[in-house]
Amino acid sequence: RKFDSPEVEKMRSTVPFEIVEAPNGDAHIKVLDRVYSPPEVSAIVLQRLKLAAEEFLGDTISEAIITVPAYFDDTQRQATRDAGKIAGLEVARIINEPTAAALAYGFGKNKKEKVAVYDLGGGTFDISILEINDGAFDVLATSGNTFLGGEDFDERIINWLAQNFAADSGIDLLQDRLALQRLKEAAERAKCELSSVTETNISLPFIAADAGGPKHINASLTREKFEELVRDLVEASVEPCQKALWDAKLKPEDIDKVILVGGQTRSPII
């Protein structure tokens, strides 16, 4: 994306790294004293995956099939191919993520069916409607929200903890980078635990200190309270689903199966 695009402008206020303008007007990422293009960042991830696969298999990996969101245009798909090349991989094919999800779950072997792929990942939400017929996958419609994901769910727990702590101690943990990092880790851990249990304890000793001595967090978070904190985020995913159905000229009852993809879909409220 271009540096002056609305999406990049919004992202600049939410990410912990600096986004800078490249000579060609694109948005690049600055880390310490080096500037990276998005394909270079993707290449770093691919290099790590390549290394992990080689260590596990005990063999050299030279080719890859890479998945991308169904809404990626030709420029974004080419950038993904470039990232694979930088990582030392020959990209055999680029396929749509919802198609990959349907294949992974064994769809497309027998009958004709319409499948909705609800993908709620760490930072983005995508909904895709597929028509599968004799092994052929046709994307009928896609929609989503590039600013809705698991990190937003984490943030609700972070703010809940910080607000309660500030009310008790008068200390704003959100202004302390080290404390904020501990809050983020604890929030994600608690969220994951609440996928399988109805209550979890959050313990953060020595999270701060004042004239009276060290301060600690020892809080209990129930699944009911967590769902109360994030209900509007879940509801925010409904409109893109309705739009995708509308674009595909389908009704909810026309969908044969729903595939849930992405870590955040483990939450029972989803």
Protein backbone atom coordinates (compact mmCIF):
# COMPACT_ATOMS: atom_id res chain seq x y z
CA ARG A 1 0.00 0.00 0.00
CA LYS A 2 0.99 3.61 -0.45
CA PHE A 3 2.25 5.50 2.59
CA ASP A 4 -0.52 8.10 2.33
CA SER A 5 -3.37 5.56 2.03
CA PRO A 6 -6.11 5.64 4.72
CA GLU A 7 -5.28 2.07 5.77
CA VAL A 8 -1.62 2.88 6.41
CA GLU A 9 -2.51 6.09 8.21
CA LYS A 10 -4.74 4.16 10.60
CA MET A 11 -2.16 1.42 11.08
CA ARG A 12 0.57 3.91 11.98
CA SER A 13 -1.27 4.73 15.19
CA THR A 14 -1.72 1.11 16.26
CA VAL A 15 1.55 -0.73 15.50
CA PRO A 16 4.65 -0.70 17.76
CA PHE A 17 7.05 -0.02 14.87
CA GLU A 18 7.65 2.95 12.60
CA ILE A 19 6.11 3.04 9.12
CA VAL A 20 8.02 5.28 6.71
CA GLU A 21 7.57 6.42 3.13
CA ALA A 22 9.77 4.79 0.48
CA PRO A 23 11.11 6.80 -2.49
CA ASN A 24 8.34 5.34 -4.69
CA GLY A 25 5.63 6.32 -2.18
CA ASP A 26 5.09 2.83 -0.77
CA ALA A 27 4.82 2.13 2.95
CA HIS A 28 7.96 0.51 4.38
CA ILE A 29 8.84 -0.58 7.92
CA LYS A 30 11.73 0.89 9.89
CA VAL A 31 13.36 -1.27 12.57
CA LEU A 32 16.31 0.27 14.40
CA ASP A 33 18.41 1.79 11.60
CA ARG A 34 17.15 -0.36 8.71
CA VAL A 35 14.13 0.03 6.44
CA TYR A 36 12.31 -3.05 5.09
CA SER A 37 9.78 -3.38 2.30
CA PRO A 38 6.71 -5.58 2.97
CA PRO A 39 8.08 -8.37 0.71
CA GLU A 40 11.33 -8.32 2.71
CA VAL A 41 9.38 -8.73 5.95
CA SER A 42 7.39 -11.59 4.40
CA ALA A 43 10.66 -13.13 3.24
CA ILE A 44 12.01 -13.14 6.80
CA VAL A 45 8.92 -15.08 7.92
CA LEU A 46 9.25 -17.49 4.99
CA GLN A 47 12.95 -18.02 5.71
CA ARG A 48 12.10 -18.96 9.29
CA LEU A 49 9.39 -21.37 8.13
CA LYS A 50 11.77 -22.86 5.55
CA LEU A 51 14.40 -23.43 8.24
CA ALA A 52 11.89 -24.98 10.64
CA ALA A 53 10.61 -27.34 7.93
CA GLU A 54 14.15 -28.35 6.95
CA GLU A 55 15.09 -29.04 10.57
CA PHE A 56 11.99 -31.17 11.08
CA LEU A 57 12.20 -33.10 7.80
CA GLY A 58 15.97 -33.37 7.66
CA ASP A 59 15.91 -32.34 4.02
CA THR A 60 16.29 -29.24 1.88
CA ILE A 61 13.16 -27.27 1.00
CA SER A 62 13.35 -25.54 -2.37
CA GLU A 63 9.72 -25.15 -3.45
CA ALA A 64 6.59 -23.85 -1.78
CA ILE A 65 2.90 -23.24 -2.34
CA ILE A 66 1.98 -20.00 -0.59
CA THR A 67 -1.52 -18.98 0.46
CA VAL A 68 -2.82 -15.41 0.30
CA PRO A 69 -6.14 -13.73 1.15
CA ALA A 70 -8.69 -14.18 -1.63
CA TYR A 71 -8.97 -10.40 -2.07
CA PHE A 72 -5.25 -9.96 -2.89
CA ASP A 73 -4.79 -8.27 -6.26
CA ASP A 74 -2.14 -9.11 -8.86
CA THR A 75 0.35 -6.65 -7.35
CA GLN A 76 0.04 -8.19 -3.89
CA ARG A 77 0.31 -11.70 -5.29
CA GLN A 78 3.46 -10.76 -7.19
CA ALA A 79 4.90 -9.22 -4.01
CA THR A 80 4.28 -12.55 -2.29
CA ARG A 81 6.13 -14.35 -5.08
CA ASP A 82 8.98 -11.87 -4.67
CA ALA A 83 9.08 -12.63 -0.94
CA GLY A 84 9.37 -16.33 -1.69
CA LYS A 85 12.23 -15.69 -4.10
CA ILE A 86 14.06 -13.56 -1.52
CA ALA A 87 13.62 -16.42 0.97
CA GLY A 88 15.28 -18.82 -1.46
CA LEU A 89 12.09 -20.60 -2.50
CA GLU A 90 10.65 -21.38 -5.90
CA VAL A 91 6.96 -20.50 -5.56
CA ALA A 92 5.15 -23.28 -7.39
CA ARG A 93 1.76 -21.69 -6.92
CA ILE A 94 -0.15 -18.97 -5.11
CA ILE A 95 -3.56 -20.14 -3.87
CA ASN A 96 -6.36 -18.43 -1.98
CA GLU A 97 -6.44 -19.01 1.78
CA PRO A 98 -10.12 -20.06 1.87
CA THR A 99 -9.43 -22.60 -0.86
CA ALA A 100 -6.49 -23.95 1.17
CA ALA A 101 -8.71 -24.19 4.26
CA ALA A 102 -11.38 -26.09 2.35
CA LEU A 103 -8.77 -28.46 0.94
CA ALA A 104 -7.28 -29.02 4.40
CA TYR A 105 -10.67 -30.01 5.77
CA GLY A 106 -11.24 -32.47 2.95
CA PHE A 107 -13.86 -30.58 0.98
CA GLY A 108 -14.21 -30.92 -2.78
CA LYS A 109 -13.91 -34.69 -2.99
CA ASN A 110 -17.46 -35.64 -3.73
CA LYS A 111 -20.50 -33.42 -4.03
CA LYS A 112 -21.26 -29.87 -5.02
CA GLU A 113 -21.51 -27.60 -2.00
CA LYS A 114 -21.27 -24.01 -0.87
CA VAL A 115 -18.87 -23.30 1.99
CA ALA A 116 -18.28 -20.20 4.10
CA VAL A 117 -14.74 -19.76 5.44
CA TYR A 118 -14.74 -17.54 8.54
CA ASP A 119 -11.11 -16.54 9.16
CA LEU A 120 -10.40 -14.54 12.32
CA GLY A 121 -6.65 -14.32 12.79
CA GLY A 122 -4.37 -12.23 14.94
CA GLY A 123 -4.86 -8.95 13.13
CA THR A 124 -7.45 -9.33 10.39
CA PHE A 125 -10.84 -10.87 9.67
CA ASP A 126 -11.86 -12.40 6.35
CA ILE A 127 -15.03 -14.14 5.23
CA SER A 128 -15.12 -16.00 1.92
CA ILE A 129 -17.95 -17.83 0.20
CA LEU A 130 -16.80 -20.76 -1.95
CA GLU A 131 -18.65 -22.95 -4.40
CA ILE A 132 -17.04 -26.37 -4.71
CA ASN A 133 -17.96 -28.61 -7.61
CA ASP A 134 -16.09 -31.76 -8.64
CA GLY A 135 -12.84 -30.57 -7.10
CA ALA A 136 -13.06 -27.07 -8.60
CA PHE A 137 -13.06 -24.19 -6.10
CA ASP A 138 -14.75 -20.94 -7.10
CA VAL A 139 -14.60 -17.91 -4.79
CA LEU A 140 -18.07 -16.35 -5.07
CA ALA A 141 -17.46 -13.44 -2.71
CA THR A 142 -15.09 -12.11 -0.06
CA SER A 143 -15.35 -9.47 2.62
CA GLY A 144 -13.67 -8.63 5.89
CA ASN A 145 -12.10 -6.12 8.22
CA THR A 146 -8.35 -5.46 8.09
CA PHE A 147 -8.48 -3.99 11.60
CA LEU A 148 -10.27 -6.77 13.46
CA GLY A 149 -8.41 -9.71 14.96
CA GLY A 150 -7.19 -11.52 18.04
CA GLU A 151 -5.03 -8.59 19.09
CA ASP A 152 -8.19 -6.52 19.55
CA PHE A 153 -9.54 -9.19 21.90
CA ASP A 154 -6.24 -9.12 23.83
CA GLU A 155 -6.45 -5.34 24.06
CA ARG A 156 -9.82 -5.53 25.81
CA ILE A 157 -8.29 -7.66 28.57
CA ILE A 158 -5.24 -5.37 28.75
CA ASN A 159 -7.42 -2.29 29.19
CA TRP A 160 -9.60 -4.07 31.77
CA LEU A 161 -6.54 -5.00 33.83
CA ALA A 162 -4.97 -1.54 33.47
CA GLN A 163 -8.16 0.30 34.40
CA ASN A 164 -8.71 -1.83 37.49
CA PHE A 165 -5.07 -1.39 38.52
CA ALA A 166 -5.23 2.38 37.99
CA ALA A 167 -8.41 2.59 40.06
CA ASP A 168 -6.70 0.79 42.95
CA SER A 169 -3.21 2.32 42.77
CA GLY A 170 -3.42 5.48 40.68
CA ILE A 171 -0.69 4.10 38.38
CA ASP A 172 -1.23 3.99 34.61
CA LEU A 173 0.47 0.80 33.39
CA LEU A 174 -0.21 1.69 29.76
CA GLN A 175 2.52 4.34 29.97
CA ASP A 176 5.13 1.79 31.08
CA ARG A 177 6.43 -0.18 28.09
CA LEU A 178 7.79 -3.07 30.16
CA ALA A 179 4.58 -3.35 32.16
CA LEU A 180 2.54 -3.13 28.97
CA GLN A 181 4.46 -6.03 27.44
CA ARG A 182 3.76 -8.15 30.52
CA LEU A 183 0.08 -7.19 30.30
CA LYS A 184 -0.02 -8.23 26.64
CA GLU A 185 1.50 -11.63 27.36
CA ALA A 186 -0.82 -12.22 30.31
CA ALA A 187 -3.89 -11.12 28.34
CA GLU A 188 -3.18 -13.47 25.45
CA ARG A 189 -2.50 -16.35 27.84
CA ALA A 190 -5.75 -15.70 29.73
CA LYS A 191 -7.74 -15.47 26.50
CA CYS A 192 -6.38 -18.81 25.31
CA GLU A 193 -7.13 -20.47 28.66
CA LEU A 194 -10.72 -19.20 28.56
CA SER A 195 -11.27 -21.19 25.38
CA SER A 196 -11.27 -24.37 27.48
CA VAL A 197 -12.06 -23.23 31.04
CA THR A 198 -14.69 -20.86 32.43
CA GLU A 199 -12.36 -18.91 34.73
CA THR A 200 -8.65 -18.11 34.87
CA ASN A 201 -6.32 -16.28 37.24
CA ILE A 202 -3.98 -13.53 36.07
CA SER A 203 -0.95 -13.05 38.33
CA LEU A 204 1.62 -10.33 37.62
CA PRO A 205 3.85 -9.76 40.66
CA PHE A 206 5.93 -6.59 40.90
CA ILE A 207 4.16 -5.02 37.93
CA ALA A 208 4.86 -1.53 39.31
CA ALA A 209 6.02 0.33 42.42
CA ASP A 210 5.42 3.60 44.21
CA ALA A 211 6.43 5.20 47.49
CA GLY A 212 4.46 2.53 49.31
CA GLY A 213 6.43 -0.31 47.75
CA PRO A 214 5.93 -2.85 44.96
CA LYS A 215 2.52 -3.41 43.38
CA HIS A 216 1.08 -6.65 42.05
CA ILE A 217 -1.83 -7.81 39.91
CA ASN A 218 -3.79 -10.84 41.00
CA ALA A 219 -7.08 -10.89 39.12
CA SER A 220 -9.69 -13.48 38.26
CA LEU A 221 -11.26 -13.29 34.80
CA THR A 222 -14.30 -15.38 33.93
CA ARG A 223 -15.32 -16.39 30.45
CA GLU A 224 -18.58 -14.52 31.01
CA LYS A 225 -16.72 -11.28 31.75
CA PHE A 226 -14.37 -11.79 28.81
CA GLU A 227 -17.30 -12.29 26.45
CA GLU A 228 -18.89 -9.13 27.82
CA LEU A 229 -15.67 -7.22 27.03
CA VAL A 230 -15.44 -8.48 23.44
CA ARG A 231 -19.07 -8.89 22.39
CA ASP A 232 -19.02 -5.83 20.13
CA LEU A 233 -15.91 -7.17 18.37
CA VAL A 234 -17.70 -10.42 17.59
CA GLU A 235 -20.72 -8.48 16.36
CA ALA A 236 -18.41 -6.43 14.12
CA SER A 237 -17.70 -9.60 12.14
CA VAL A 238 -21.37 -10.07 11.28
CA GLU A 239 -21.67 -7.21 8.77
CA PRO A 240 -18.86 -8.51 6.50
CA CYS A 241 -20.53 -11.94 6.59
CA GLN A 242 -23.83 -10.42 5.51
CA LYS A 243 -22.07 -8.45 2.76
CA ALA A 244 -20.33 -11.56 1.44
CA LEU A 245 -23.65 -13.43 1.31
CA TRP A 246 -25.26 -10.47 -0.46
CA ASP A 247 -22.44 -10.26 -3.01
CA ALA A 248 -22.68 -14.01 -3.63
CA LYS A 249 -26.47 -13.66 -4.03
CA LEU A 250 -27.03 -16.26 -1.32
CA LYS A 251 -28.96 -16.60 1.93
CA PRO A 252 -27.56 -18.12 5.14
CA GLU A 253 -29.59 -21.29 4.57
CA ASP A 254 -27.85 -21.75 1.19
CA ILE A 255 -24.53 -22.41 2.95
CA ASP A 256 -23.83 -26.12 3.42
CA LYS A 257 -20.82 -25.88 5.74
CA VAL A 258 -18.88 -23.26 7.71
CA ILE A 259 -15.13 -23.57 8.27
CA LEU A 260 -13.61 -21.66 11.17
CA VAL A 261 -10.00 -20.62 10.57
CA GLY A 262 -7.61 -18.62 12.75
CA GLY A 263 -6.67 -18.87 16.40
CA GLN A 264 -9.35 -16.48 17.64
CA THR A 265 -12.12 -18.81 16.39
CA ARG A 266 -11.22 -21.13 19.28
CA SER A 267 -13.12 -18.79 21.59
CA PRO A 268 -16.56 -20.30 22.29
CA ILE A 269 -18.27 -16.94 21.70
CA ILE A 270 -17.26 -17.15 18.04
